[in-house]
């Protein structure tokens, strides 16, 4: 990953009358990252994305795109061309065909032939809609319409993609298709900021995560660092015999913090302090003690658990 900064904000603030939607926000996104933005409704995510997309002017603060300051009091067409913005409510024109819709936006961005035609074919192939190029938009499924919206967002070859709740309302298959496209765009070198309430999708896609609460960016870090710092290791341990010998053994182990029975199974869920080597030592000690272990599955708390944990910390 490049060390170049794609997005930087300093003291970014947006106030609507008496309400502060984004407050004194400092954000840095490296080139080539997929940066996930999470937080409850009303946290300021959409307002932040709109400011980065030049659709909303900050009350106070500075925004830099690709190292150049974004100025709202003068035209910046060269900077705006670097940005692709997909809001959660962008309208489609149902009476146009897929090809005509994309060509319309390509012409708005002054793409000229033969490059324009090549670009249309490329983005249609990328979003898996080449077979629908002559279909009316009204006939597309919701997932296809969202992929078409993404194609429109990248038609002008931006280097920064801003996606606000792009998988909202999509079924699991449509979400999976959308994730595959995002991965392809990242592999091509695009920097992507994506907000979503589907945290499992972000956990699969993102290199870094930002968490917003009441307009503040309360956490911003690489995803791996968040897991290391905030995600407890859990181990599901199953046995053929009764649970009592297993429970007694676990109580004597210094790395075990808590153990609870998994309802309906001969299994304990164990909160464990230690790395994978320590987990292997625990398994070895269980077997040596003669406990008939049938399952030993180390896992880590997921992104949703980390988010809820941070929310409780902020509230307390």
Protein backbone atom coordinates (compact mmCIF):
# COMPACT_ATOMS: atom_id res chain seq x y z
CA UNK A 1 0.00 0.00 0.00
CA UNK A 2 1.23 3.47 -0.86
CA UNK A 3 2.18 5.83 1.95
CA UNK A 4 0.65 8.75 0.05
CA UNK A 5 -2.38 10.37 1.69
CA UNK A 6 -5.54 10.31 -0.42
CA UNK A 7 -7.80 12.15 2.05
CA UNK A 8 -6.94 14.39 4.99
CA UNK A 9 -9.22 16.62 7.04
CA UNK A 10 -8.30 19.03 9.81
CA UNK A 11 -10.78 20.41 12.32
CA UNK A 12 -13.64 19.59 9.96
CA UNK A 13 -16.92 20.85 11.41
CA UNK A 14 -20.43 21.17 10.02
CA UNK A 15 -23.19 22.95 11.91
CA UNK A 16 -26.83 23.16 10.85
CA UNK A 17 -28.39 26.02 12.83
CA UNK A 18 -27.96 24.81 16.44
CA UNK A 19 -27.03 21.22 15.60
CA UNK A 20 -23.42 20.19 15.06
CA UNK A 21 -23.43 17.23 12.66
CA UNK A 22 -19.63 16.83 12.41
CA UNK A 23 -17.34 18.18 15.10
CA UNK A 24 -13.62 19.02 14.83
CA UNK A 25 -12.87 15.92 12.79
CA UNK A 26 -9.31 14.96 11.82
CA UNK A 27 -9.19 12.10 9.34
CA UNK A 28 -6.40 10.53 7.29
CA UNK A 29 -6.95 7.88 4.61
CA UNK A 30 -3.95 6.43 2.80
CA UNK A 31 -3.96 5.88 -0.95
CA UNK A 32 -5.23 2.41 -1.84
CA UNK A 33 -7.15 1.86 1.38
CA UNK A 34 -10.71 0.67 1.80
CA UNK A 35 -11.79 2.74 4.77
CA UNK A 36 -15.00 1.70 6.53
CA UNK A 37 -17.08 4.32 8.32
CA UNK A 38 -19.48 3.02 10.95
CA UNK A 39 -21.73 4.53 13.57
CA UNK A 40 -25.40 4.81 14.54
CA UNK A 41 -27.94 6.86 12.60
CA UNK A 42 -27.31 10.56 13.19
CA UNK A 43 -23.60 10.08 13.94
CA UNK A 44 -22.56 12.37 11.07
CA UNK A 45 -21.37 9.79 8.52
CA UNK A 46 -23.43 11.06 5.59
CA UNK A 47 -22.59 14.70 6.35
CA UNK A 48 -18.88 13.85 6.40
CA UNK A 49 -19.10 12.00 3.09
CA UNK A 50 -21.08 14.85 1.50
CA UNK A 51 -18.38 17.33 2.54
CA UNK A 52 -15.65 15.12 1.06
CA UNK A 53 -17.72 14.88 -2.13
CA UNK A 54 -18.05 18.71 -2.29
CA UNK A 55 -21.84 18.38 -1.96
CA UNK A 56 -21.79 20.13 1.44
CA UNK A 57 -19.62 23.05 2.50
CA UNK A 58 -17.92 22.78 5.90
CA UNK A 59 -18.67 25.38 8.54
CA UNK A 60 -15.03 25.22 9.67
CA UNK A 61 -12.04 23.11 8.74
CA UNK A 62 -9.91 21.96 5.81
CA UNK A 63 -10.15 19.09 3.35
CA UNK A 64 -7.25 17.83 1.24
CA UNK A 65 -7.72 15.42 -1.66
CA UNK A 66 -4.56 13.83 -3.02
CA UNK A 67 -2.53 16.46 -1.20
CA UNK A 68 -4.37 19.49 -2.60
CA UNK A 69 -6.73 21.61 -0.53
CA UNK A 70 -10.38 21.56 -1.57
CA UNK A 71 -11.67 25.14 -1.72
CA UNK A 72 -15.42 25.70 -1.73
CA UNK A 73 -15.34 29.37 -2.71
CA UNK A 74 -13.82 28.72 -6.12
CA UNK A 75 -14.24 26.06 -8.82
CA UNK A 76 -12.06 22.98 -8.50
CA UNK A 77 -13.04 20.86 -11.53
CA UNK A 78 -9.70 19.00 -11.59
CA UNK A 79 -10.18 17.92 -7.97
CA UNK A 80 -13.83 17.01 -8.43
CA UNK A 81 -12.86 14.73 -11.30
CA UNK A 82 -10.78 12.72 -8.84
CA UNK A 83 -13.91 11.89 -6.81
CA UNK A 84 -16.68 9.39 -7.43
CA UNK A 85 -19.65 9.79 -5.09
CA UNK A 86 -22.50 7.32 -4.66
CA UNK A 87 -25.13 8.63 -2.21
CA UNK A 88 -27.75 6.31 -0.79
CA UNK A 89 -30.59 7.94 -2.74
CA UNK A 90 -29.21 8.79 -6.18
CA UNK A 91 -32.04 8.65 -8.76
CA UNK A 92 -31.98 6.44 -11.84
CA UNK A 93 -33.78 7.25 -15.09
CA UNK A 94 -36.08 4.29 -15.61
CA UNK A 95 -36.99 5.17 -19.22
CA UNK A 96 -33.36 5.03 -20.39
CA UNK A 97 -31.43 1.92 -21.36
CA UNK A 98 -28.38 0.94 -19.33
CA UNK A 99 -26.06 2.01 -22.16
CA UNK A 100 -27.76 5.36 -22.75
CA UNK A 101 -27.71 6.16 -19.04
CA UNK A 102 -23.98 5.55 -18.74
CA UNK A 103 -23.21 7.33 -21.99
CA UNK A 104 -25.14 10.37 -20.77
CA UNK A 105 -22.88 10.66 -17.72
CA UNK A 106 -19.76 9.90 -19.75
CA UNK A 107 -20.62 12.84 -22.00
CA UNK A 108 -21.20 15.07 -18.96
CA UNK A 109 -17.62 14.28 -17.94
CA UNK A 110 -16.54 15.11 -21.51
CA UNK A 111 -15.22 11.64 -22.29
CA UNK A 112 -14.59 11.50 -26.04
CA UNK A 113 -14.69 8.57 -28.42
CA UNK A 114 -13.14 6.11 -28.89
CA UNK A 115 -12.16 6.27 -25.21
CA UNK A 116 -15.78 6.83 -24.11
CA UNK A 117 -17.01 3.64 -25.79
CA UNK A 118 -14.12 1.61 -24.38
CA UNK A 119 -14.84 2.98 -20.92
CA UNK A 120 -18.54 2.09 -21.16
CA UNK A 121 -17.71 -1.48 -22.13
CA UNK A 122 -15.15 -1.71 -19.31
CA UNK A 123 -17.45 -0.54 -16.50
CA UNK A 124 -20.37 -2.67 -17.75
CA UNK A 125 -18.12 -5.71 -17.72
CA UNK A 126 -16.81 -4.80 -14.26
CA UNK A 127 -20.31 -4.54 -12.74
CA UNK A 128 -21.51 -7.62 -14.65
CA UNK A 129 -24.17 -5.80 -16.67
CA UNK A 130 -22.85 -6.17 -20.22
CA UNK A 131 -25.75 -8.51 -21.03
CA UNK A 132 -28.19 -5.78 -19.91
CA UNK A 133 -26.74 -2.90 -21.94
CA UNK A 134 -29.88 -2.55 -24.09
CA UNK A 135 -32.37 -3.17 -21.27
CA UNK A 136 -34.50 -0.40 -19.80
CA UNK A 137 -33.41 0.52 -16.28
CA UNK A 138 -37.00 -0.02 -15.10
CA UNK A 139 -36.60 -3.76 -15.79
CA UNK A 140 -33.50 -4.21 -13.60
CA UNK A 141 -33.47 -5.79 -10.15
CA UNK A 142 -32.49 -3.71 -7.15
CA UNK A 143 -29.04 -5.27 -7.08
CA UNK A 144 -28.51 -4.55 -10.78
CA UNK A 145 -29.63 -0.94 -10.31
CA UNK A 146 -27.11 -0.50 -7.51
CA UNK A 147 -24.33 -1.95 -9.65
CA UNK A 148 -25.37 0.39 -12.46
CA UNK A 149 -25.18 3.31 -10.03
CA UNK A 150 -21.66 2.24 -9.14
CA UNK A 151 -20.75 2.06 -12.82
CA UNK A 152 -22.02 5.63 -13.26
CA UNK A 153 -19.93 6.69 -10.23
CA UNK A 154 -16.67 5.38 -11.72
CA UNK A 155 -17.28 6.16 -15.40
CA UNK A 156 -14.85 9.13 -15.28
CA UNK A 157 -12.04 7.08 -13.66
CA UNK A 158 -11.88 8.73 -10.24
CA UNK A 159 -9.11 7.85 -7.80
CA UNK A 160 -11.30 8.32 -4.71
CA UNK A 161 -14.64 6.54 -4.33
CA UNK A 162 -17.15 7.67 -1.68
CA UNK A 163 -19.95 5.17 -1.02
CA UNK A 164 -22.77 5.98 1.40
CA UNK A 165 -24.68 2.84 2.45
CA UNK A 166 -24.24 1.17 -0.97
CA UNK A 167 -25.58 -2.25 0.08
CA UNK A 168 -28.64 -1.00 1.97
CA UNK A 169 -31.64 -3.18 1.11
CA UNK A 170 -29.69 -5.65 -1.01
CA UNK A 171 -30.05 -9.41 -0.57
CA UNK A 172 -27.01 -11.54 0.38
CA UNK A 173 -26.17 -12.50 -3.22
CA UNK A 174 -26.35 -8.88 -4.41
CA UNK A 175 -24.15 -7.82 -1.47
CA UNK A 176 -21.60 -10.50 -2.36
CA UNK A 177 -21.51 -9.27 -5.97
CA UNK A 178 -21.03 -5.70 -4.79
CA UNK A 179 -18.16 -6.76 -2.50
CA UNK A 180 -16.42 -8.47 -5.40
CA UNK A 181 -16.59 -5.27 -7.46
CA UNK A 182 -15.16 -3.21 -4.57
CA UNK A 183 -12.27 -5.65 -4.26
CA UNK A 184 -11.57 -5.31 -7.99
CA UNK A 185 -11.53 -1.51 -7.70
CA UNK A 186 -9.14 -1.64 -4.75
CA UNK A 187 -6.84 -4.01 -6.64
CA UNK A 188 -6.83 -1.45 -9.46
CA UNK A 189 -5.48 1.13 -7.00
CA UNK A 190 -8.61 3.08 -6.10
CA UNK A 191 -9.04 4.54 -2.61
CA UNK A 192 -12.49 3.79 -1.20
CA UNK A 193 -14.44 5.20 1.73
CA UNK A 194 -17.57 3.21 2.45
CA UNK A 195 -20.21 3.64 5.15
CA UNK A 196 -22.47 0.74 6.01
CA UNK A 197 -24.55 -0.78 8.78
CA UNK A 198 -23.66 -4.27 7.48
CA UNK A 199 -20.53 -4.66 9.58
CA UNK A 200 -19.77 -8.18 8.35
CA UNK A 201 -19.30 -6.74 4.85
CA UNK A 202 -16.94 -4.05 6.13
CA UNK A 203 -14.95 -6.64 8.09
CA UNK A 204 -14.34 -8.53 4.84
CA UNK A 205 -13.51 -5.47 2.73
CA UNK A 206 -11.81 -2.83 4.83
CA UNK A 207 -8.19 -2.16 5.66
CA UNK A 208 -9.10 0.55 8.23
CA UNK A 209 -12.18 1.51 10.22
CA UNK A 210 -13.47 4.82 11.56
CA UNK A 211 -16.19 4.93 14.20
CA UNK A 212 -18.36 8.03 14.57
CA UNK A 213 -20.53 9.02 17.53
CA UNK A 214 -22.53 12.27 17.77
CA UNK A 215 -20.39 13.94 15.12
CA UNK A 216 -17.04 12.91 16.59
CA UNK A 217 -14.58 10.43 15.11
CA UNK A 218 -14.05 8.39 18.28
CA UNK A 219 -11.84 5.71 16.70
CA UNK A 220 -9.78 5.46 13.53
CA UNK A 221 -7.29 2.66 13.04
CA UNK A 222 -6.25 -0.22 10.80
CA UNK A 223 -8.72 -3.08 11.16
CA UNK A 224 -6.00 -5.50 12.27
CA UNK A 225 -4.97 -3.10 15.04
CA UNK A 226 -8.58 -2.81 16.24
CA UNK A 227 -8.86 -6.58 16.45
CA UNK A 228 -5.56 -6.87 18.33
CA UNK A 229 -6.49 -4.12 20.79
CA UNK A 230 -10.21 -4.62 21.34
CA UNK A 231 -11.21 -8.13 20.27
CA UNK A 232 -11.02 -10.83 22.91
CA UNK A 233 -10.13 -14.34 21.87
CA UNK A 234 -12.88 -16.88 22.44
CA UNK A 235 -12.59 -20.66 22.24
CA UNK A 236 -15.44 -23.10 21.78
CA UNK A 237 -14.48 -26.31 23.56
CA UNK A 238 -16.60 -29.46 23.23
CA UNK A 239 -16.27 -32.72 25.15
CA UNK A 240 -17.77 -36.21 25.02
CA UNK A 241 -18.11 -36.47 28.78
CA UNK A 242 -19.85 -34.25 31.28
CA UNK A 243 -18.84 -30.61 31.44
CA UNK A 244 -17.78 -30.63 35.11
CA UNK A 245 -14.19 -31.93 34.61
CA UNK A 246 -13.70 -29.47 31.76
CA UNK A 247 -15.01 -26.58 33.87
CA UNK A 248 -12.74 -27.52 36.82
CA UNK A 249 -9.69 -27.66 34.56
CA UNK A 250 -10.46 -24.31 32.96
CA UNK A 251 -10.88 -22.59 36.34
CA UNK A 252 -7.30 -23.51 37.19
CA UNK A 253 -5.88 -22.11 33.93
CA UNK A 254 -4.50 -18.53 34.26
CA UNK A 255 -5.50 -17.54 30.71
CA UNK A 256 -9.19 -18.35 31.13
CA UNK A 257 -11.25 -15.29 32.08
CA UNK A 258 -14.77 -16.68 31.79
CA UNK A 259 -16.54 -19.80 30.58
CA UNK A 260 -20.21 -20.28 29.78
CA UNK A 261 -22.26 -23.21 28.54
CA UNK A 262 -23.48 -23.04 24.93
CA UNK A 263 -27.20 -23.78 25.16
CA UNK A 264 -28.18 -27.20 23.84
CA UNK A 265 -24.61 -28.38 23.30
CA UNK A 266 -21.93 -30.13 25.31
CA UNK A 267 -19.74 -27.09 24.72
CA UNK A 268 -18.24 -24.20 26.65
CA UNK A 269 -17.55 -20.74 25.24
CA UNK A 270 -14.33 -19.53 26.86
CA UNK A 271 -12.96 -15.97 26.99
CA UNK A 272 -9.23 -16.48 26.76
CA UNK A 273 -6.28 -14.13 27.25
CA UNK A 274 -3.42 -15.37 25.17
CA UNK A 275 -2.14 -15.88 21.63
CA UNK A 276 -2.53 -18.97 19.44
CA UNK A 277 0.52 -20.60 21.07
CA UNK A 278 -1.11 -20.20 24.49
CA UNK A 279 -4.33 -21.68 23.09
CA UNK A 280 -2.35 -24.67 21.79
CA UNK A 281 -0.85 -25.13 25.28
CA UNK A 282 -4.36 -25.09 26.77
CA UNK A 283 -5.52 -27.78 24.34
CA UNK A 284 -2.44 -29.89 25.13
CA UNK A 285 -3.13 -29.64 28.88
CA UNK A 286 -6.77 -30.68 28.41
CA UNK A 287 -5.79 -33.78 26.44
CA UNK A 288 -3.04 -34.70 28.92
CA UNK A 289 -5.56 -34.49 31.74
CA UNK A 290 -7.67 -37.17 30.06
CA UNK A 291 -10.66 -34.98 29.16
CA UNK A 292 -12.24 -36.34 25.91
CA UNK A 293 -12.08 -33.19 23.78
CA UNK A 294 -14.12 -33.38 20.53
CA UNK A 295 -13.88 -29.76 19.46
CA UNK A 296 -11.49 -26.84 20.07
CA UNK A 297 -12.25 -23.79 17.92
CA UNK A 298 -10.44 -20.48 18.66
CA UNK A 299 -12.21 -17.39 17.31
CA UNK A 300 -12.14 -13.65 17.88
CA UNK A 301 -14.95 -11.23 18.64
CA UNK A 302 -16.21 -9.72 15.40
CA UNK A 303 -16.41 -6.10 14.26
CA UNK A 304 -19.99 -5.72 15.48
CA UNK A 305 -18.95 -6.74 19.00
CA UNK A 306 -16.05 -4.26 18.92
CA UNK A 307 -18.42 -1.50 17.77
CA UNK A 308 -20.93 -2.25 20.55
CA UNK A 309 -18.12 -2.42 23.10
CA UNK A 310 -16.80 0.99 22.07
CA UNK A 311 -20.34 2.38 22.19
CA UNK A 312 -20.71 1.21 25.80
CA UNK A 313 -17.35 2.78 26.67
CA UNK A 314 -18.44 6.11 25.19
CA UNK A 315 -21.73 6.01 27.09
CA UNK A 316 -20.08 5.23 30.43
